[in-house]
C-alpha atoms as a PDB file:
ATOM      1  CA  MET A   1    -111.714  -2.305  26.990  1.00  0.00           C
ATOM      2  CA  VAL A   2    -115.413  -3.243  28.043  1.00  0.00           C
ATOM      3  CA  HIS A   3    -118.031  -1.781  25.807  1.00  0.00           C
ATOM      4  CA  TYR A   4    -121.614  -2.682  25.655  1.00  0.00           C
ATOM      5  CA  GLY A   5    -121.621  -5.330  23.147  1.00  0.00           C
ATOM      6  CA  HIS A   6    -119.396  -7.491  25.627  1.00  0.00           C
ATOM      7  CA  SER A   7    -122.353  -6.239  28.506  1.00  0.00           C
ATOM      8  CA  ASN A   8    -124.823  -7.154  26.374  1.00  0.00           C
ATOM      9  CA  GLN A   9    -124.016 -10.638  25.987  1.00  0.00           C
ATOM     10  CA  LEU A  10    -123.392 -10.464  30.286  1.00  0.00           C
ATOM     11  CA  ARG A  11    -126.597 -10.031  29.689  1.00  0.00           C
ATOM     12  CA  GLN A  12    -128.317 -12.650  27.701  1.00  0.00           C
ATOM     13  CA  ALA A  13    -126.014 -15.175  29.564  1.00  0.00           C
ATOM     14  CA  ARG A  14    -127.462 -14.249  33.111  1.00  0.00           C
ATOM     15  CA  ALA A  15    -130.831 -14.699  31.713  1.00  0.00           C
ATOM     16  CA  MET A  16    -130.394 -18.314  31.204  1.00  0.00           C
ATOM     17  CA  GLY A  17    -129.551 -19.074  34.738  1.00  0.00           C
ATOM     18  CA  ASP A  18    -129.248 -18.563  38.206  1.00  0.00           C
ATOM     19  CA  TYR A  19    -125.537 -17.451  38.823  1.00  0.00           C
ATOM     20  CA  LEU A  20    -122.752 -16.465  36.027  1.00  0.00           C
ATOM     21  CA  ILE A  21    -119.287 -16.888  35.844  1.00  0.00           C
ATOM     22  CA  VAL A  22    -117.669 -14.787  33.559  1.00  0.00           C
ATOM     23  CA  GLY A  23    -114.172 -16.424  31.980  1.00  0.00           C
ATOM     24  CA  VAL A  24    -111.269 -14.164  30.673  1.00  0.00           C
ATOM     25  CA  HIS A  25    -109.382 -14.571  28.232  1.00  0.00           C
ATOM     26  CA  THR A  26    -105.433 -13.653  27.193  1.00  0.00           C
ATOM     27  CA  ASP A  27    -105.438 -11.804  23.769  1.00  0.00           C
ATOM     28  CA  ASP A  28    -106.335 -14.855  21.890  1.00  0.00           C
ATOM     29  CA  ASP A  29    -110.748 -15.028  21.642  1.00  0.00           C
ATOM     30  CA  ILE A  30    -111.530 -17.227  18.546  1.00  0.00           C
ATOM     31  CA  THR A  31    -113.381 -20.447  19.683  1.00  0.00           C
ATOM     32  CA  LEU A  32    -112.225 -22.542  17.026  1.00  0.00           C
ATOM     33  CA  THR A  33    -108.830 -24.173  16.012  1.00  0.00           C
ATOM     34  CA  VAL A  34    -106.821 -23.385  13.103  1.00  0.00           C
ATOM     35  CA  ASP A  35    -107.812 -27.125  11.926  1.00  0.00           C
ATOM     36  CA  GLY A  36    -111.798 -26.513  12.394  1.00  0.00           C
ATOM     37  CA  LYS A  37    -112.132 -28.451  15.418  1.00  0.00           C
ATOM     38  CA  ASP A  38    -114.948 -26.343  17.799  1.00  0.00           C
ATOM     39  CA  THR A  39    -113.097 -26.282  21.892  1.00  0.00           C
ATOM     40  CA  TYR A  40    -116.946 -26.253  23.069  1.00  0.00           C
ATOM     41  CA  GLU A  41    -117.421 -29.694  20.855  1.00  0.00           C
ATOM     42  CA  GLU A  42    -116.828 -31.051  24.975  1.00  0.00           C
ATOM     43  CA  VAL A  43    -119.159 -28.975  26.383  1.00  0.00           C
ATOM     44  CA  LYS A  44    -122.279 -29.674  23.012  1.00  0.00           C
ATOM     45  CA  THR A  45    -121.527 -32.993  23.273  1.00  0.00           C
ATOM     46  CA  ALA A  46    -122.359 -33.232  26.773  1.00  0.00           C
ATOM     47  CA  GLY A  47    -126.069 -31.291  26.107  1.00  0.00           C
ATOM     48  CA  ARG A  48    -124.790 -28.039  28.668  1.00  0.00           C
ATOM     49  CA  TYR A  49    -123.987 -25.520  25.277  1.00  0.00           C
ATOM     50  CA  ARG A  50    -125.892 -22.139  24.938  1.00  0.00           C
ATOM     51  CA  GLU A  51    -125.259 -19.695  22.250  1.00  0.00           C
ATOM     52  CA  CYS A  52    -125.761 -15.680  23.050  1.00  0.00           C
ATOM     53  CA  LYS A  53    -126.972 -13.331  20.092  1.00  0.00           C
ATOM     54  CA  ARG A  54    -124.110 -11.116  19.172  1.00  0.00           C
ATOM     55  CA  THR A  55    -124.825  -7.177  19.197  1.00  0.00           C
ATOM     56  CA  GLN A  56    -124.549  -5.302  16.054  1.00  0.00           C
ATOM     57  CA  GLY A  57    -122.519  -2.664  15.107  1.00  0.00           C
ATOM     58  CA  VAL A  58    -119.748  -2.201  17.936  1.00  0.00           C
ATOM     59  CA  SER A  59    -116.661  -3.754  18.221  1.00  0.00           C
ATOM     60  CA  THR A  60    -113.247  -3.022  20.054  1.00  0.00           C
ATOM     61  CA  THR A  61    -111.532  -2.710  16.689  1.00  0.00           C
ATOM     62  CA  ASP A  62    -113.810  -0.030  15.370  1.00  0.00           C
ATOM     63  CA  LEU A  63    -113.310   1.902  18.893  1.00  0.00           C
ATOM     64  CA  VAL A  64    -109.674   1.548  18.403  1.00  0.00           C
ATOM     65  CA  GLY A  65    -109.915   3.048  14.631  1.00  0.00           C
ATOM     66  CA  ARG A  66    -111.839   5.717  16.154  1.00  0.00           C
ATOM     67  CA  MET A  67    -108.782   6.503  18.309  1.00  0.00           C
ATOM     68  CA  LEU A  68    -106.162   6.216  16.115  1.00  0.00           C
ATOM     69  CA  LEU A  69    -107.761   7.640  13.099  1.00  0.00           C
ATOM     70  CA  MET A  70    -108.716  11.354  15.060  1.00  0.00           C
ATOM     71  CA  THR A  71    -112.241  11.786  13.320  1.00  0.00           C
ATOM     72  CA  LYS A  72    -115.627  13.320  14.161  1.00  0.00           C
ATOM     73  CA  ALA A  73    -117.309  10.835  11.779  1.00  0.00           C
ATOM     74  CA  HIS A  74    -118.852   8.369  14.648  1.00  0.00           C
ATOM     75  CA  HIS A  75    -120.404  11.900  16.157  1.00  0.00           C
ATOM     76  CA  SER A  76    -124.444  11.879  16.052  1.00  0.00           C
ATOM     77  CA  ASN A  77    -125.594  14.502  13.552  1.00  0.00           C
ATOM     78  CA  ILE A  78    -122.043  14.444  11.313  1.00  0.00           C
ATOM     79  CA  ASP A  79    -121.966  13.085   7.923  1.00  0.00           C
ATOM     80  CA  GLU A  80    -119.333  10.347   7.853  1.00  0.00           C
ATOM     81  CA  ASP A  81    -116.474  10.888   6.054  1.00  0.00           C
ATOM     82  CA  LEU A  82    -114.487   9.342   3.413  1.00  0.00           C
ATOM     83  CA  ASP A  83    -111.255   8.490   5.637  1.00  0.00           C
ATOM     84  CA  TYR A  84    -113.876   7.007   8.514  1.00  0.00           C
ATOM     85  CA  ARG A  85    -115.680   4.947   6.286  1.00  0.00           C
ATOM     86  CA  LYS A  86    -111.590   4.229   4.644  1.00  0.00           C
ATOM     87  CA  HIS A  87    -110.888   2.700   8.253  1.00  0.00           C
ATOM     88  CA  THR A  88    -114.109   0.603   8.538  1.00  0.00           C
ATOM     89  CA  ASP A  89    -113.616  -0.765   5.503  1.00  0.00           C
ATOM     90  CA  ASN A  90    -109.407  -1.809   6.039  1.00  0.00           C
ATOM     91  CA  PHE A  91    -108.381  -1.439  10.047  1.00  0.00           C
ATOM     92  CA  GLY A  92    -106.977  -4.638  10.942  1.00  0.00           C
ATOM     93  CA  LYS A  93    -108.181  -6.471   8.126  1.00  0.00           C
ATOM     94  CA  GLY A  94    -105.948  -8.958   6.802  1.00  0.00           C
ATOM     95  CA  PRO A  95    -104.907  -9.878   2.881  1.00  0.00           C
ATOM     96  CA  LYS A  96    -107.345 -12.283   2.566  1.00  0.00           C
ATOM     97  CA  GLY A  97    -110.346 -10.244   3.526  1.00  0.00           C
ATOM     98  CA  HIS A  98    -112.413  -9.538   6.376  1.00  0.00           C
ATOM     99  CA  SER A  99    -113.582 -12.280   8.830  1.00  0.00           C
ATOM    100  CA  PRO A 100    -117.329 -11.734  10.426  1.00  0.00           C
ATOM    101  CA  TRP A 101    -116.027 -11.272  13.804  1.00  0.00           C
ATOM    102  CA  THR A 102    -113.242  -9.071  13.789  1.00  0.00           C
ATOM    103  CA  GLY A 103    -114.875  -6.893  11.026  1.00  0.00           C
ATOM    104  CA  VAL A 104    -116.924  -3.114  11.620  1.00  0.00           C
ATOM    105  CA  SER A 105    -120.255  -2.558  10.759  1.00  0.00           C
ATOM    106  CA  GLN A 106    -122.949  -0.081  11.554  1.00  0.00           C
ATOM    107  CA  PHE A 107    -124.216   0.777  15.252  1.00  0.00           C
ATOM    108  CA  LEU A 108    -128.159   1.798  14.995  1.00  0.00           C
ATOM    109  CA  GLN A 109    -129.588   2.823  18.143  1.00  0.00           C
ATOM    110  CA  THR A 110    -133.261   1.455  18.788  1.00  0.00           C
ATOM    111  CA  SER A 111    -135.373   1.819  21.080  1.00  0.00           C
ATOM    112  CA  GLN A 112    -135.301  -2.185  21.751  1.00  0.00           C
ATOM    113  CA  LYS A 113    -132.041  -1.557  22.673  1.00  0.00           C
ATOM    114  CA  ILE A 114    -132.786   0.748  25.617  1.00  0.00           C
ATOM    115  CA  ILE A 115    -135.477  -1.516  27.051  1.00  0.00           C
ATOM    116  CA  GLN A 116    -133.512  -3.851  27.112  1.00  0.00           C
ATOM    117  CA  PHE A 117    -130.690  -2.874  28.978  1.00  0.00           C
ATOM    118  CA  ALA A 118    -132.596  -0.084  31.241  1.00  0.00           C
ATOM    119  CA  SER A 119    -133.565  -1.417  35.330  1.00  0.00           C
ATOM    120  CA  GLY A 120    -137.626   0.482  34.521  1.00  0.00           C
ATOM    121  CA  LYS A 121    -137.523   0.896  37.950  1.00  0.00           C
ATOM    122  CA  GLU A 122    -139.064   4.379  38.827  1.00  0.00           C
ATOM    123  CA  PRO A 123    -138.113   6.128  42.356  1.00  0.00           C
ATOM    124  CA  GLN A 124    -140.291   5.209  45.181  1.00  0.00           C
ATOM    125  CA  PRO A 125    -141.243   6.925  48.305  1.00  0.00           C
ATOM    126  CA  GLY A 126    -137.887   7.545  50.376  1.00  0.00           C
ATOM    127  CA  ASP A 127    -135.653   7.331  47.933  1.00  0.00           C
ATOM    128  CA  THR A 128    -132.737   9.834  47.511  1.00  0.00           C
ATOM    129  CA  ILE A 129    -132.703  10.656  43.943  1.00  0.00           C
ATOM    130  CA  ILE A 130    -128.761  11.493  43.146  1.00  0.00           C
ATOM    131  CA  TYR A 131    -127.996  13.091  40.176  1.00  0.00           C
ATOM    132  CA  VAL A 132    -124.138  13.040  37.865  1.00  0.00           C
ATOM    133  CA  ALA A 133    -123.591  14.107  34.653  1.00  0.00           C
ATOM    134  CA  GLY A 134    -120.517  13.787  32.157  1.00  0.00           C
ATOM    135  CA  ALA A 135    -119.980  12.087  28.811  1.00  0.00           C
ATOM    136  CA  PHE A 136    -118.969   8.327  30.322  1.00  0.00           C
ATOM    137  CA  ASP A 137    -116.945   8.081  27.003  1.00  0.00           C
ATOM    138  CA  LEU A 138    -115.365   4.204  26.810  1.00  0.00           C
ATOM    139  CA  PHE A 139    -117.104   3.784  29.818  1.00  0.00           C
ATOM    140  CA  HIS A 140    -114.344   1.976  32.196  1.00  0.00           C
ATOM    141  CA  ILE A 141    -113.420   1.226  35.787  1.00  0.00           C
ATOM    142  CA  GLY A 142    -113.520   4.390  36.778  1.00  0.00           C
ATOM    143  CA  HIS A 143    -116.495   5.308  36.092  1.00  0.00           C
ATOM    144  CA  VAL A 144    -117.886   2.763  37.353  1.00  0.00           C
ATOM    145  CA  ASP A 145    -115.977   3.135  40.796  1.00  0.00           C
ATOM    146  CA  PHE A 146    -117.145   6.772  41.386  1.00  0.00           C
ATOM    147  CA  LEU A 147    -121.282   4.975  39.944  1.00  0.00           C
ATOM    148  CA  GLU A 148    -120.258   2.823  43.875  1.00  0.00           C
ATOM    149  CA  LYS A 149    -119.198   5.207  46.022  1.00  0.00           C
ATOM    150  CA  VAL A 150    -122.443   7.559  44.547  1.00  0.00           C
ATOM    151  CA  HIS A 151    -124.276   4.351  45.387  1.00  0.00           C
ATOM    152  CA  GLN A 152    -123.143   4.320  48.958  1.00  0.00           C
ATOM    153  CA  LEU A 153    -124.365   7.371  50.110  1.00  0.00           C
ATOM    154  CA  ALA A 154    -127.256   6.676  50.353  1.00  0.00           C
ATOM    155  CA  GLU A 155    -129.794   3.835  52.122  1.00  0.00           C
ATOM    156  CA  LYS A 156    -131.941   3.780  49.517  1.00  0.00           C
ATOM    157  CA  PRO A 157    -130.498   5.724  46.482  1.00  0.00           C
ATOM    158  CA  TYR A 158    -131.536   6.396  42.933  1.00  0.00           C
ATOM    159  CA  VAL A 159    -129.252   7.605  40.921  1.00  0.00           C
ATOM    160  CA  ILE A 160    -129.585   9.398  37.444  1.00  0.00           C
ATOM    161  CA  ALA A 161    -126.895   9.789  34.893  1.00  0.00           C
ATOM    162  CA  GLY A 162    -126.985  12.952  32.646  1.00  0.00           C
ATOM    163  CA  LEU A 163    -124.976  11.935  29.349  1.00  0.00           C
ATOM    164  CA  HIS A 164    -124.175  15.283  27.238  1.00  0.00           C
ATOM    165  CA  PHE A 165    -124.407  15.469  23.812  1.00  0.00           C
ATOM    166  CA  ASP A 166    -121.917  14.819  21.386  1.00  0.00           C
ATOM    167  CA  GLN A 167    -120.851  18.568  20.640  1.00  0.00           C
ATOM    168  CA  GLU A 168    -121.645  19.354  23.766  1.00  0.00           C
ATOM    169  CA  VAL A 169    -118.798  16.602  25.190  1.00  0.00           C
ATOM    170  CA  ASN A 170    -116.536  17.968  22.453  1.00  0.00           C
ATOM    171  CA  ARG A 171    -117.041  21.740  23.188  1.00  0.00           C
ATOM    172  CA  TYR A 172    -114.894  20.985  26.799  1.00  0.00           C
ATOM    173  CA  LYS A 173    -112.680  17.432  25.771  1.00  0.00           C
ATOM    174  CA  GLY A 174    -111.427  18.675  22.470  1.00  0.00           C
ATOM    175  CA  LYS A 175    -109.999  16.845  19.746  1.00  0.00           C
ATOM    176  CA  ASN A 176    -112.863  14.551  18.355  1.00  0.00           C
ATOM    177  CA  TYR A 177    -114.235  13.301  21.763  1.00  0.00           C
ATOM    178  CA  PRO A 178    -116.364  11.744  22.430  1.00  0.00           C
ATOM    179  CA  ILE A 179    -114.985   8.401  21.148  1.00  0.00           C
ATOM    180  CA  MET A 180    -118.335   6.758  21.740  1.00  0.00           C
ATOM    181  CA  ASN A 181    -121.350   8.409  20.925  1.00  0.00           C
ATOM    182  CA  ILE A 182    -124.421   9.773  22.776  1.00  0.00           C
ATOM    183  CA  HIS A 183    -126.441   6.459  21.097  1.00  0.00           C
ATOM    184  CA  GLU A 184    -123.292   3.573  22.582  1.00  0.00           C
ATOM    185  CA  ARG A 185    -122.775   5.885  25.921  1.00  0.00           C
ATOM    186  CA  THR A 186    -126.697   5.326  26.789  1.00  0.00           C
ATOM    187  CA  LEU A 187    -126.328   1.907  26.480  1.00  0.00           C
ATOM    188  CA  SER A 188    -122.493   1.921  28.260  1.00  0.00           C
ATOM    189  CA  VAL A 189    -123.818   3.593  31.322  1.00  0.00           C
ATOM    190  CA  LEU A 190    -127.806   2.124  31.400  1.00  0.00           C
ATOM    191  CA  ALA A 191    -126.025  -1.317  31.352  1.00  0.00           C
ATOM    192  CA  CYS A 192    -123.987  -0.295  34.880  1.00  0.00           C
ATOM    193  CA  ARG A 193    -126.031  -1.856  37.803  1.00  0.00           C
ATOM    194  CA  TYR A 194    -125.402   1.865  40.105  1.00  0.00           C
ATOM    195  CA  VAL A 195    -127.563   3.603  37.605  1.00  0.00           C
ATOM    196  CA  SER A 196    -131.300   3.620  37.933  1.00  0.00           C
ATOM    197  CA  GLU A 197    -132.073   6.182  34.964  1.00  0.00           C
ATOM    198  CA  VAL A 198    -130.437   7.624  32.025  1.00  0.00           C
ATOM    199  CA  VAL A 199    -130.697  11.531  30.609  1.00  0.00           C
ATOM    200  CA  ILE A 200    -129.516  11.477  27.324  1.00  0.00           C
ATOM    201  CA  GLY A 201    -128.301  14.295  25.738  1.00  0.00           C
ATOM    202  CA  ALA A 202    -128.468  16.652  29.620  1.00  0.00           C
ATOM    203  CA  PRO A 203    -127.680  20.275  29.734  1.00  0.00           C
ATOM    204  CA  TYR A 204    -124.312  21.139  31.018  1.00  0.00           C
ATOM    205  CA  ALA A 205    -125.550  23.087  33.380  1.00  0.00           C
ATOM    206  CA  VAL A 206    -127.406  21.349  35.859  1.00  0.00           C
ATOM    207  CA  THR A 207    -130.735  23.699  36.166  1.00  0.00           C
ATOM    208  CA  ALA A 208    -133.283  24.579  38.651  1.00  0.00           C
ATOM    209  CA  ASP A 209    -135.573  22.800  36.294  1.00  0.00           C
ATOM    210  CA  LEU A 210    -134.131  19.643  35.992  1.00  0.00           C
ATOM    211  CA  LEU A 211    -133.547  19.682  39.705  1.00  0.00           C
ATOM    212  CA  ASP A 212    -136.772  20.385  40.209  1.00  0.00           C
ATOM    213  CA  HIS A 213    -138.313  17.954  37.571  1.00  0.00           C
ATOM    214  CA  PHE A 214    -136.534  14.976  38.990  1.00  0.00           C
ATOM    215  CA  ARG A 215    -137.254  15.831  42.577  1.00  0.00           C
ATOM    216  CA  VAL A 216    -133.024  15.958  43.004  1.00  0.00           C
ATOM    217  CA  THR A 217    -131.718  15.886  46.821  1.00  0.00           C
ATOM    218  CA  LEU A 218    -128.069  15.302  45.812  1.00  0.00           C
ATOM    219  CA  VAL A 219    -125.807  16.019  42.924  1.00  0.00           C
ATOM    220  CA  CYS A 220    -122.044  14.701  43.076  1.00  0.00           C
ATOM    221  CA  HIS A 221    -119.222  15.262  40.794  1.00  0.00           C
ATOM    222  CA  GLY A 222    -115.742  13.312  40.613  1.00  0.00           C
ATOM    223  CA  MET A 223    -112.497  14.536  40.871  1.00  0.00           C
ATOM    224  CA  THR A 224    -111.888  15.799  37.933  1.00  0.00           C
ATOM    225  CA  GLU A 225    -111.662  19.044  36.451  1.00  0.00           C
ATOM    226  CA  VAL A 226    -115.395  20.827  35.663  1.00  0.00           C
ATOM    227  CA  VAL A 227    -115.061  22.898  32.871  1.00  0.00           C
ATOM    228  CA  PRO A 228    -117.412  26.698  32.448  1.00  0.00           C
ATOM    229  CA  ASP A 229    -120.378  26.832  30.287  1.00  0.00           C
ATOM    230  CA  LYS A 230    -119.901  28.490  27.584  1.00  0.00           C
ATOM    231  CA  ASP A 231    -121.046  31.867  29.010  1.00  0.00           C
ATOM    232  CA  GLY A 232    -118.160  31.174  31.432  1.00  0.00           C
ATOM    233  CA  SER A 233    -120.667  30.543  34.491  1.00  0.00           C
ATOM    234  CA  ASP A 234    -119.960  27.397  36.855  1.00  0.00           C
ATOM    235  CA  PRO A 235    -122.301  24.500  35.531  1.00  0.00           C
ATOM    236  CA  TYR A 236    -123.208  23.589  39.292  1.00  0.00           C
ATOM    237  CA  GLU A 237    -123.699  26.875  40.163  1.00  0.00           C
ATOM    238  CA  GLU A 238    -127.795  26.291  41.153  1.00  0.00           C
ATOM    239  CA  PRO A 239    -127.295  22.539  43.419  1.00  0.00           C
ATOM    240  CA  LYS A 240    -123.751  24.710  45.090  1.00  0.00           C
ATOM    241  CA  ARG A 241    -126.703  27.612  45.745  1.00  0.00           C
ATOM    242  CA  ARG A 242    -129.393  24.755  46.925  1.00  0.00           C
ATOM    243  CA  GLY A 243    -126.299  23.153  49.183  1.00  0.00           C
ATOM    244  CA  ILE A 244    -126.649  19.763  47.740  1.00  0.00           C
ATOM    245  CA  PHE A 245    -123.581  19.852  45.735  1.00  0.00           C
ATOM    246  CA  GLN A 246    -121.247  17.344  46.545  1.00  0.00           C
ATOM    247  CA  LEU A 247    -117.032  16.267  44.936  1.00  0.00           C
ATOM    248  CA  VAL A 248    -116.603  12.358  44.954  1.00  0.00           C
ATOM    249  CA  ASP A 249    -114.150  10.494  45.132  1.00  0.00           C
ATOM    250  CA  SER A 250    -113.619   7.457  43.137  1.00  0.00           C
ATOM    251  CA  GLY A 251    -110.377   5.890  44.406  1.00  0.00           C
ATOM    252  CA  SER A 252    -109.525   5.464  40.781  1.00  0.00           C
ATOM    253  CA  ASN A 253    -106.963   7.076  38.483  1.00  0.00           C
ATOM    254  CA  LEU A 254    -107.853   5.310  35.225  1.00  0.00           C
ATOM    255  CA  THR A 255    -109.062   7.983  32.463  1.00  0.00           C
ATOM    256  CA  THR A 256    -110.298   8.029  29.029  1.00  0.00           C
ATOM    257  CA  ASP A 257    -107.768   9.764  28.235  1.00  0.00           C
ATOM    258  CA  LEU A 258    -104.981   7.430  29.742  1.00  0.00           C
ATOM    259  CA  ILE A 259    -107.213   4.693  27.845  1.00  0.00           C
ATOM    260  CA  VAL A 260    -106.572   6.480  24.493  1.00  0.00           C
ATOM    261  CA  GLN A 261    -103.091   7.127  25.130  1.00  0.00           C
ATOM    262  CA  ARG A 262    -102.315   3.670  25.928  1.00  0.00           C
ATOM    263  CA  ILE A 263    -103.776   2.770  23.053  1.00  0.00           C
ATOM    264  CA  ILE A 264    -101.769   5.333  20.730  1.00  0.00           C
ATOM    265  CA  LYS A 265     -98.851   4.262  22.367  1.00  0.00           C
ATOM    266  CA  ASN A 266     -99.100   0.954  21.602  1.00  0.00           C
ATOM    267  CA  ARG A 267    -101.255   1.746  17.434  1.00  0.00           C
ATOM    268  CA  LEU A 268     -98.785  -1.222  15.393  1.00  0.00           C
ATOM    269  CA  GLU A 269     -99.066  -3.406  17.947  1.00  0.00           C
ATOM    270  CA  PHE A 270    -103.033  -2.928  17.610  1.00  0.00           C
ATOM    271  CA  GLU A 271    -103.033  -3.207  14.510  1.00  0.00           C
ATOM    272  CA  ALA A 272    -100.375  -6.701  13.826  1.00  0.00           C
ATOM    273  CA  ARG A 273    -102.755  -7.535  16.477  1.00  0.00           C
ATOM    274  CA  ASN A 274    -105.984  -7.854  14.830  1.00  0.00           C
ATOM    275  CA  GLN A 275    -104.567  -8.802  11.292  1.00  0.00           C
ATOM    276  CA  LYS A 276    -103.207 -11.859  13.160  1.00  0.00           C
ATOM    277  CA  LYS A 277    -106.790 -12.275  14.659  1.00  0.00           C
ATOM    278  CA  GLU A 278    -108.301 -11.774  11.549  1.00  0.00           C
ATOM    279  CA  ALA A 279    -106.164 -14.022   9.125  1.00  0.00           C
ATOM    280  CA  LYS A 280    -107.038 -16.917  11.849  1.00  0.00           C
ATOM    281  CA  GLU A 281    -110.376 -16.247  11.806  1.00  0.00           C
ATOM    282  CA  LEU A 282    -110.297 -16.222   7.593  1.00  0.00           C
ATOM    283  CA  ALA A 283    -108.536 -19.680   8.584  1.00  0.00           C
ATOM    284  CA  VAL A 284    -110.887 -21.231  10.363  1.00  0.00           C
ATOM    285  CA  LEU A 285    -114.009 -20.042   7.938  1.00  0.00           C
ATOM    286  CA  GLU A 286    -111.911 -22.108   5.236  1.00  0.00           C
ATOM    287  CA  ALA A 287    -112.024 -24.933   7.833  1.00  0.00           C
ATOM    288  CA  MET A 288    -115.221 -24.665   8.262  1.00  0.00           C
ATOM    289  CA  LYS A 289    -115.971 -24.932   4.419  1.00  0.00           C
ATOM    290  CA  ARG A 290    -114.119 -28.134   3.903  1.00  0.00           C
ATOM    291  CA  LEU A 291    -116.006 -29.602   6.731  1.00  0.00           C
ATOM    292  CA  ASP A 292    -119.404 -28.758   5.438  1.00  0.00           C
ATOM    293  CA  GLU A 293    -118.053 -29.958   1.729  1.00  0.00           C
ATOM    294  CA  LYS A 294    -117.083 -33.417   3.520  1.00  0.00           C
ATOM    295  CA  ARG A 295    -120.476 -33.619   5.286  1.00  0.00           C
END
């Protein structure tokens, strides 16, 4: 499950050179052995190691916990409840306490974070301005495939993604969706190379004002169900009337619902994984302390 914390790491790493190669681990992503030995020791000795800054406020642990807890406290403009605070304090916590790597921390949106992820490009003469809208929750390969197909519809595409507010997404998705709030979803979508601009809190209905303001040439939607607006109307009525609406098949069957179902199905396995991982990380911290004391 890739989130904007991973995207930020890749962004920083790519800025350090010209060609980025990404290695994907199996289940153990810790960078030290239990005896405290640094697995990057050889690279560091050769003077070829550089470190990226960790993105605070996001972790796979927290996102998994939101799915399992089924509360809405992570949504924007909703007060945090005691159950969610208990989750952030205890989810995946080992018997000896918290690890700084696996533990959950609070996400704080800043303008600098948005600037770091944004392309900064404005539409140029001759660009085909394409508008898409949705939740883009737990931004996954299905979303990427869809946006790639949309991007391929024009020679010079400028793709604008409209993100619905949390309360709007919850209206048409139900349960405790979205799993990621509007601020988190914004960074996830901005990190995608096929997206040029993001509308934060886009209206559910694609209105004439929106189309005229952004000078939209084409409006696209995937093969997922289009839920009617609050008044029962079709949210794509205006672009359809203008003859600029197009359905796009991503070719992927992965959905946010499917990811959540997988997590819930494997709940015990995930909780055991987090506890085991955190215990190992705490053992490493102790080993590092002992090494420091010897020095």
